[in-house]
Every structure is written in C-alpha cells, then in structure tokens.
C-alpha cells in the first residue's frame, strides 16, 4: 500500500473517531503523516511544518498548512 493510501486511511479513521472532539489528536497524527509525506520530496526540520485547524461558522473544518524547506530533492532522480 502506498504512503498516500495509508495516510488517507488514517485520516478517515481519525475523522470518524473524533467527531465532536477538539481535534488535538487529529492534528498530532496529521502533522506526523504530513511531515513523513513532505520528507519524501524535500528536507524538513522538526519545526518546519506548521498545521492549524479552524472551525468556520458554517461548521466546516479549515486546515492551514505551512511547510518551510531549504532544499528540494531532485525529482528526476526519484522517477528513474
């Protein structure tokens, strides 16, 4: 199973399990998964990924993601 599929499954399970919850556990797991995903494409230090979750007046969940990197990996070498 691909990393993206694993992350998608974990997200679904967390969203179902945390309905009505503050989302703290969700943010922790998402941040870990996103760091792993972005690390496949760029160098990321521990403090370089920031994730926030806001609840809109309409009840929608709004994720704000910031990723800082000083070096991107050469994609050409990854696809050979």
N, C-alpha and C. Protein backbone atom coordinates (compact mmCIF):
# COMPACT_ATOMS: atom_id res chain seq x y z
N UNK A 1 0.85 -1.18 0.00
CA UNK A 1 0.00 0.00 0.00
C UNK A 1 0.89 1.24 0.00
N UNK A 2 0.56 2.23 -0.81
CA UNK A 2 1.35 3.44 -0.92
C UNK A 2 1.19 4.31 0.32
N UNK A 3 2.18 5.18 0.56
CA UNK A 3 2.13 6.09 1.70
C UNK A 3 0.89 6.95 1.66
N UNK A 4 0.53 7.47 0.50
CA UNK A 4 -0.65 8.33 0.39
C UNK A 4 -1.92 7.58 0.77
N UNK A 5 -2.00 6.30 0.40
CA UNK A 5 -3.17 5.48 0.76
C UNK A 5 -3.23 5.26 2.26
N UNK A 6 -2.08 5.00 2.88
CA UNK A 6 -2.04 4.81 4.32
C UNK A 6 -2.47 6.07 5.05
N UNK A 7 -1.98 7.21 4.59
CA UNK A 7 -2.34 8.49 5.20
C UNK A 7 -3.83 8.75 5.04
N UNK A 8 -4.36 8.47 3.86
CA UNK A 8 -5.78 8.66 3.60
C UNK A 8 -6.63 7.79 4.52
N UNK A 9 -6.24 6.53 4.71
CA UNK A 9 -6.98 5.63 5.61
C UNK A 9 -6.92 6.12 7.05
N UNK A 10 -5.75 6.57 7.48
CA UNK A 10 -5.61 7.08 8.85
C UNK A 10 -6.46 8.32 9.06
N UNK A 11 -6.49 9.20 8.07
CA UNK A 11 -7.30 10.41 8.16
C UNK A 11 -8.78 10.06 8.28
N UNK A 12 -9.25 9.14 7.45
CA UNK A 12 -10.66 8.73 7.52
C UNK A 12 -11.00 8.18 8.90
N UNK A 13 -10.15 7.31 9.42
CA UNK A 13 -10.40 6.71 10.73
C UNK A 13 -10.41 7.76 11.84
N UNK A 14 -9.50 8.73 11.76
CA UNK A 14 -9.45 9.78 12.78
C UNK A 14 -10.66 10.70 12.70
N UNK A 15 -11.07 11.05 11.49
CA UNK A 15 -12.21 11.94 11.33
C UNK A 15 -13.48 11.27 11.85
N UNK A 16 -13.63 9.98 11.60
CA UNK A 16 -14.81 9.25 12.08
C UNK A 16 -14.76 9.13 13.60
N UNK A 17 -13.59 8.83 14.13
CA UNK A 17 -13.44 8.61 15.57
C UNK A 17 -13.48 9.86 16.41
N UNK A 18 -13.23 11.03 15.83
CA UNK A 18 -13.14 12.26 16.61
C UNK A 18 -14.25 13.24 16.32
N UNK A 19 -15.37 12.79 15.85
CA UNK A 19 -16.49 13.70 15.61
C UNK A 19 -16.86 14.36 16.92
N UNK A 20 -16.93 15.68 16.91
CA UNK A 20 -17.29 16.43 18.10
C UNK A 20 -16.13 16.67 19.05
N UNK A 21 -14.97 16.10 18.77
CA UNK A 21 -13.82 16.31 19.64
C UNK A 21 -13.06 17.56 19.20
N UNK A 22 -12.12 17.98 20.01
CA UNK A 22 -11.37 19.21 19.73
C UNK A 22 -10.45 19.07 18.53
N UNK A 23 -10.09 17.88 18.18
CA UNK A 23 -9.20 17.68 17.04
C UNK A 23 -7.73 17.68 17.40
N UNK A 24 -7.40 17.74 18.69
CA UNK A 24 -5.99 17.75 19.11
C UNK A 24 -5.24 16.51 18.67
N UNK A 25 -5.83 15.35 18.87
CA UNK A 25 -5.19 14.10 18.44
C UNK A 25 -5.09 14.06 16.93
N UNK A 26 -6.14 14.52 16.26
CA UNK A 26 -6.14 14.56 14.80
C UNK A 26 -4.97 15.39 14.29
N UNK A 27 -4.78 16.58 14.85
CA UNK A 27 -3.68 17.44 14.41
C UNK A 27 -2.32 16.80 14.64
N UNK A 28 -2.15 16.12 15.75
CA UNK A 28 -0.88 15.47 16.05
C UNK A 28 -0.56 14.40 15.02
N UNK A 29 -1.55 13.56 14.72
CA UNK A 29 -1.34 12.48 13.76
C UNK A 29 -1.17 13.04 12.35
N UNK A 30 -2.00 14.00 11.97
CA UNK A 30 -1.88 14.61 10.64
C UNK A 30 -0.52 15.25 10.45
N UNK A 31 -0.06 15.98 11.45
CA UNK A 31 1.24 16.65 11.35
C UNK A 31 2.35 15.62 11.14
N UNK A 32 2.29 14.53 11.86
CA UNK A 32 3.29 13.46 11.70
C UNK A 32 3.23 12.86 10.30
N UNK A 33 2.03 12.57 9.83
CA UNK A 33 1.87 11.98 8.49
C UNK A 33 2.31 12.95 7.40
N UNK A 34 1.96 14.21 7.54
CA UNK A 34 2.34 15.20 6.53
C UNK A 34 3.85 15.41 6.51
N UNK A 35 4.48 15.40 7.67
CA UNK A 35 5.94 15.54 7.72
C UNK A 35 6.59 14.37 6.98
N UNK A 36 6.07 13.18 7.20
CA UNK A 36 6.61 12.00 6.51
C UNK A 36 6.42 12.14 5.00
N UNK A 37 5.24 12.58 4.58
CA UNK A 37 4.96 12.74 3.16
C UNK A 37 5.86 13.79 2.52
N UNK A 38 5.94 14.98 3.11
CA UNK A 38 6.76 16.04 2.54
C UNK A 38 8.24 15.70 2.58
N UNK A 39 8.66 14.90 3.56
CA UNK A 39 10.07 14.49 3.65
C UNK A 39 10.50 13.63 2.48
N UNK A 40 9.55 13.07 1.76
CA UNK A 40 9.89 12.32 0.55
C UNK A 40 10.33 13.24 -0.58
N UNK A 41 9.99 14.51 -0.50
CA UNK A 41 10.24 15.45 -1.60
C UNK A 41 11.16 16.61 -1.24
N UNK A 42 11.40 16.83 0.05
CA UNK A 42 12.21 17.96 0.46
C UNK A 42 12.77 17.74 1.85
N UNK A 43 13.82 18.50 2.18
CA UNK A 43 14.38 18.44 3.52
C UNK A 43 13.50 19.27 4.46
N UNK A 44 13.08 18.67 5.57
CA UNK A 44 12.24 19.35 6.55
C UNK A 44 12.80 19.08 7.95
N UNK A 45 13.03 20.14 8.71
CA UNK A 45 13.41 20.00 10.12
C UNK A 45 12.15 19.88 10.96
N UNK A 46 12.31 19.58 12.23
CA UNK A 46 11.17 19.38 13.12
C UNK A 46 10.24 20.59 13.19
N UNK A 47 10.77 21.80 13.18
CA UNK A 47 9.94 22.99 13.31
C UNK A 47 9.47 23.59 12.00
N UNK A 48 9.70 22.89 10.89
CA UNK A 48 9.41 23.46 9.57
C UNK A 48 8.00 23.20 9.06
N UNK A 49 7.22 22.40 9.77
CA UNK A 49 5.86 22.12 9.35
C UNK A 49 4.90 22.61 10.43
N UNK A 50 3.99 23.48 10.04
CA UNK A 50 3.03 24.04 10.99
C UNK A 50 1.62 23.77 10.47
N UNK A 51 0.77 23.20 11.31
CA UNK A 51 -0.59 22.85 10.92
C UNK A 51 -1.58 23.38 11.96
N UNK A 52 -2.60 24.07 11.48
CA UNK A 52 -3.65 24.57 12.36
C UNK A 52 -5.00 24.12 11.82
N UNK A 53 -5.95 23.97 12.72
CA UNK A 53 -7.31 23.60 12.36
C UNK A 53 -8.27 24.64 12.92
N UNK A 54 -9.06 25.23 12.03
CA UNK A 54 -10.07 26.20 12.42
C UNK A 54 -11.44 25.65 12.07
N UNK A 55 -12.42 25.98 12.89
CA UNK A 55 -13.80 25.60 12.64
C UNK A 55 -14.54 26.86 12.20
N UNK A 56 -15.10 26.85 11.00
CA UNK A 56 -15.81 28.03 10.49
C UNK A 56 -17.20 28.12 11.11
N UNK A 57 -17.84 29.26 10.89
CA UNK A 57 -19.20 29.46 11.39
C UNK A 57 -20.18 28.47 10.77
N UNK A 58 -19.87 27.98 9.58
CA UNK A 58 -20.72 27.00 8.90
C UNK A 58 -20.46 25.57 9.35
N UNK A 59 -19.53 25.38 10.29
CA UNK A 59 -19.21 24.05 10.77
C UNK A 59 -18.19 23.31 9.92
N UNK A 60 -17.55 24.02 9.01
CA UNK A 60 -16.52 23.40 8.17
C UNK A 60 -15.18 23.43 8.89
N UNK A 61 -14.37 22.42 8.62
CA UNK A 61 -13.02 22.36 9.16
C UNK A 61 -12.06 22.95 8.14
N UNK A 62 -11.29 23.93 8.55
CA UNK A 62 -10.33 24.60 7.67
C UNK A 62 -8.93 24.32 8.18
N UNK A 63 -8.14 23.59 7.37
CA UNK A 63 -6.77 23.27 7.73
C UNK A 63 -5.84 24.29 7.09
N UNK A 64 -4.95 24.86 7.90
CA UNK A 64 -3.93 25.79 7.42
C UNK A 64 -2.57 25.12 7.59
N UNK A 65 -1.88 24.92 6.47
CA UNK A 65 -0.60 24.21 6.47
C UNK A 65 0.50 25.11 5.93
N UNK A 66 1.60 25.18 6.66
CA UNK A 66 2.79 25.89 6.20
C UNK A 66 3.96 24.93 6.31
N UNK A 67 4.69 24.78 5.20
CA UNK A 67 5.87 23.92 5.17
C UNK A 67 7.04 24.77 4.70
N UNK A 68 8.11 24.76 5.47
CA UNK A 68 9.31 25.52 5.13
C UNK A 68 10.43 24.54 4.82
N UNK A 69 11.11 24.76 3.69
CA UNK A 69 12.20 23.88 3.32
C UNK A 69 13.32 24.69 2.69
N UNK A 70 14.54 24.31 2.99
CA UNK A 70 15.70 24.97 2.39
C UNK A 70 16.25 24.20 1.20
N UNK A 71 15.72 22.96 1.01
CA UNK A 71 16.26 22.14 -0.07
C UNK A 71 15.20 21.16 -0.57
N UNK A 72 14.93 21.21 -1.86
CA UNK A 72 14.03 20.24 -2.50
C UNK A 72 14.88 19.13 -3.09
N UNK A 73 14.37 17.91 -3.05
CA UNK A 73 15.08 16.78 -3.64
C UNK A 73 14.87 16.79 -5.15
N UNK A 74 15.84 16.26 -5.87
CA UNK A 74 15.79 16.18 -7.33
C UNK A 74 14.77 15.12 -7.73
N UNK A 75 13.62 15.54 -8.24
CA UNK A 75 12.54 14.62 -8.59
C UNK A 75 12.96 13.70 -9.73
N UNK A 76 13.78 14.17 -10.64
CA UNK A 76 14.25 13.35 -11.76
C UNK A 76 14.93 12.08 -11.31
N UNK A 77 15.71 12.18 -10.24
CA UNK A 77 16.41 11.00 -9.72
C UNK A 77 15.44 10.04 -9.05
N UNK A 78 14.31 10.56 -8.58
CA UNK A 78 13.32 9.72 -7.88
C UNK A 78 12.47 8.91 -8.86
N UNK A 79 12.34 9.38 -10.09
CA UNK A 79 11.46 8.71 -11.05
C UNK A 79 12.19 7.78 -12.00
N UNK A 80 13.49 7.72 -11.92
CA UNK A 80 14.26 6.83 -12.82
C UNK A 80 14.07 5.39 -12.46
